[in-house]
N, C-alpha and C. Protein backbone atom coordinates (compact mmCIF):
# COMPACT_ATOMS: atom_id res chain seq x y z
N MET A 1 16.37 55.30 -6.45
CA MET A 1 17.03 55.64 -5.21
C MET A 1 16.98 54.49 -4.18
N GLU A 2 18.05 54.52 -3.47
CA GLU A 2 18.08 53.40 -2.37
C GLU A 2 18.05 54.09 -1.00
N TRP A 3 17.69 53.27 -0.01
CA TRP A 3 17.69 53.75 1.36
C TRP A 3 19.07 53.99 1.86
N LYS A 4 19.43 54.90 2.61
CA LYS A 4 20.78 55.24 3.28
C LYS A 4 20.63 55.15 4.66
N PRO A 5 21.72 54.88 5.36
CA PRO A 5 21.70 54.81 6.81
C PRO A 5 21.32 56.23 7.35
N ILE A 6 20.59 56.23 8.51
CA ILE A 6 20.00 57.50 9.00
C ILE A 6 21.09 58.41 9.48
N GLU A 7 22.33 57.87 9.84
CA GLU A 7 23.40 58.65 10.17
C GLU A 7 23.86 59.62 9.07
N THR A 8 23.55 59.31 7.89
CA THR A 8 23.90 60.18 6.80
C THR A 8 22.86 61.24 6.36
N ALA A 9 21.78 61.20 7.00
CA ALA A 9 20.64 62.03 6.63
C ALA A 9 20.89 63.50 6.91
N PRO A 10 20.40 64.44 6.08
CA PRO A 10 20.56 65.85 6.40
C PRO A 10 19.61 66.21 7.52
N LYS A 11 20.04 67.14 8.32
CA LYS A 11 19.20 67.64 9.34
C LYS A 11 18.70 69.01 9.10
N THR A 12 18.63 69.42 7.91
CA THR A 12 18.17 70.70 7.49
C THR A 12 16.80 70.77 6.73
N ALA A 13 16.33 69.57 6.42
CA ALA A 13 15.03 69.40 5.72
C ALA A 13 14.38 68.17 6.02
N PRO A 14 13.03 68.12 5.90
CA PRO A 14 12.26 66.89 6.11
C PRO A 14 12.79 65.75 5.08
N ILE A 15 12.66 64.49 5.56
CA ILE A 15 13.17 63.40 4.83
C ILE A 15 12.19 62.28 4.88
N LEU A 16 12.17 61.30 3.99
CA LEU A 16 11.42 60.14 3.97
C LEU A 16 12.20 59.04 4.83
N ALA A 17 11.60 58.61 5.91
CA ALA A 17 12.31 57.61 6.68
C ALA A 17 11.68 56.30 6.89
N TYR A 18 12.46 55.23 6.89
CA TYR A 18 12.10 53.91 7.26
C TYR A 18 12.35 53.76 8.73
N THR A 19 11.28 53.37 9.47
CA THR A 19 11.53 53.29 10.94
C THR A 19 11.75 51.92 11.54
N ILE A 20 12.11 51.86 12.73
CA ILE A 20 12.57 50.60 13.39
C ILE A 20 11.30 49.59 13.44
N ASP A 21 10.08 50.06 13.38
CA ASP A 21 8.97 49.07 13.34
C ASP A 21 8.52 48.79 11.97
N GLY A 22 9.30 49.11 10.93
CA GLY A 22 8.94 48.75 9.60
C GLY A 22 8.05 49.73 8.81
N GLY A 23 7.71 50.90 9.40
CA GLY A 23 6.90 51.93 8.78
C GLY A 23 7.79 52.91 7.98
N ILE A 24 7.02 53.66 7.13
CA ILE A 24 7.62 54.66 6.41
C ILE A 24 6.93 56.00 6.76
N ASP A 25 7.76 57.06 7.12
CA ASP A 25 7.22 58.27 7.68
C ASP A 25 8.00 59.37 7.10
N VAL A 26 7.51 60.63 7.09
CA VAL A 26 8.20 61.87 6.96
C VAL A 26 8.74 62.43 8.32
N VAL A 27 9.95 62.63 8.45
CA VAL A 27 10.46 63.07 9.70
C VAL A 27 11.44 64.26 9.41
N TRP A 28 11.71 64.93 10.54
CA TRP A 28 12.67 66.19 10.45
C TRP A 28 13.33 66.09 11.76
N TRP A 29 14.60 66.75 11.73
CA TRP A 29 15.36 66.88 12.94
C TRP A 29 14.88 68.06 13.79
N GLN A 30 14.62 67.78 14.98
CA GLN A 30 14.00 68.76 15.91
C GLN A 30 14.93 69.01 17.16
N ARG A 31 15.00 70.29 17.48
CA ARG A 31 15.67 70.74 18.72
C ARG A 31 14.69 71.23 19.74
N ASP A 32 14.67 70.70 20.94
CA ASP A 32 13.81 71.08 21.99
C ASP A 32 14.32 72.29 22.54
N PHE A 33 13.58 73.47 22.45
CA PHE A 33 14.09 74.74 22.97
C PHE A 33 14.08 74.87 24.51
N LEU A 34 13.33 73.92 25.18
CA LEU A 34 13.37 73.99 26.66
C LEU A 34 14.60 73.34 27.18
N ASP A 35 14.94 72.13 26.70
CA ASP A 35 16.14 71.41 27.36
C ASP A 35 17.30 71.18 26.36
N GLY A 36 17.17 71.67 25.12
CA GLY A 36 18.25 71.61 24.21
C GLY A 36 18.51 70.16 23.48
N SER A 37 17.58 69.22 23.88
CA SER A 37 17.75 67.88 23.34
C SER A 37 17.44 67.92 21.83
N GLU A 38 17.94 67.04 21.09
CA GLU A 38 17.76 66.87 19.59
C GLU A 38 17.33 65.51 19.21
N TYR A 39 16.39 65.32 18.24
CA TYR A 39 15.86 64.05 18.05
C TYR A 39 15.08 64.18 16.62
N TRP A 40 14.76 62.99 16.10
CA TRP A 40 13.94 62.94 14.82
C TRP A 40 12.50 63.05 15.34
N GLN A 41 11.64 63.87 14.63
CA GLN A 41 10.31 64.03 14.99
C GLN A 41 9.43 63.85 13.69
N ASN A 42 8.18 63.49 13.97
CA ASN A 42 7.21 63.26 12.85
C ASN A 42 5.97 64.08 13.32
N GLU A 43 4.98 64.06 12.39
CA GLU A 43 3.77 64.80 12.53
C GLU A 43 2.89 64.31 13.79
N ALA A 44 3.00 63.06 14.07
CA ALA A 44 2.25 62.43 15.17
C ALA A 44 2.94 62.77 16.53
N TYR A 45 4.07 63.37 16.54
CA TYR A 45 4.89 63.68 17.80
C TYR A 45 5.10 62.42 18.58
N ASP A 46 5.28 61.30 18.01
CA ASP A 46 5.65 60.09 18.72
C ASP A 46 7.13 59.84 18.46
N ASP A 47 7.75 58.84 18.72
CA ASP A 47 9.13 58.53 18.67
C ASP A 47 9.34 57.60 17.38
N PRO A 48 9.59 58.16 16.27
CA PRO A 48 9.57 57.45 15.01
C PRO A 48 10.76 56.49 14.87
N GLN A 49 12.01 56.76 15.48
CA GLN A 49 13.11 55.87 15.47
C GLN A 49 13.47 55.50 14.05
N PRO A 50 13.85 56.42 13.26
CA PRO A 50 14.24 56.07 11.84
C PRO A 50 15.64 55.34 11.83
N THR A 51 15.76 54.34 10.83
CA THR A 51 16.98 53.60 10.69
C THR A 51 17.62 53.90 9.23
N HIS A 52 16.75 54.32 8.37
CA HIS A 52 17.28 54.62 7.01
C HIS A 52 16.45 55.79 6.50
N TRP A 53 16.88 56.47 5.29
CA TRP A 53 16.29 57.58 4.85
C TRP A 53 16.45 57.71 3.29
N MET A 54 15.50 58.53 2.67
CA MET A 54 15.61 58.95 1.42
C MET A 54 15.10 60.37 1.20
N PRO A 55 15.56 61.06 0.26
CA PRO A 55 15.02 62.41 0.03
C PRO A 55 13.52 62.35 -0.32
N LEU A 56 12.76 63.39 0.10
CA LEU A 56 11.28 63.41 -0.28
C LEU A 56 11.29 63.40 -1.82
N PRO A 57 10.22 62.84 -2.47
CA PRO A 57 10.11 63.02 -3.88
C PRO A 57 9.69 64.51 -4.25
N ALA A 58 9.87 64.82 -5.46
CA ALA A 58 9.53 66.20 -5.99
C ALA A 58 8.01 66.16 -6.03
N PRO A 59 7.34 67.31 -5.83
CA PRO A 59 5.90 67.53 -6.00
C PRO A 59 5.43 67.27 -7.43
N PRO A 60 4.31 67.00 -7.71
CA PRO A 60 3.73 66.86 -9.02
C PRO A 60 3.94 68.18 -9.73
N ARG A 61 4.19 68.06 -11.06
CA ARG A 61 4.38 69.22 -12.00
C ARG A 61 3.10 70.02 -12.07
N GLU A 62 1.96 69.32 -12.19
CA GLU A 62 0.75 69.93 -12.32
C GLU A 62 -0.13 69.63 -11.18
N ALA A 63 -1.03 70.60 -10.86
CA ALA A 63 -1.96 70.27 -9.74
C ALA A 63 -2.88 69.17 -10.09
N MET A 64 -3.28 68.45 -9.12
CA MET A 64 -4.28 67.40 -9.32
C MET A 64 -5.67 68.05 -9.56
N PRO A 65 -6.57 67.37 -10.39
CA PRO A 65 -7.89 67.95 -10.49
C PRO A 65 -8.78 67.79 -9.37
């Protein structure tokens, strides 16, 4: 798989994102229920600023020991 521009990312599921600072993070599209703003969010609740994306990989077929 190759990185795709963030403008083409789905906003319906978490994605693997390459961020403006060169990091890789799991992000999702978030809508703020108080003011209606929309933005990419990550678990740290900082501003990840993704530039490219890939789908998340499939989980392992078998549980890890």
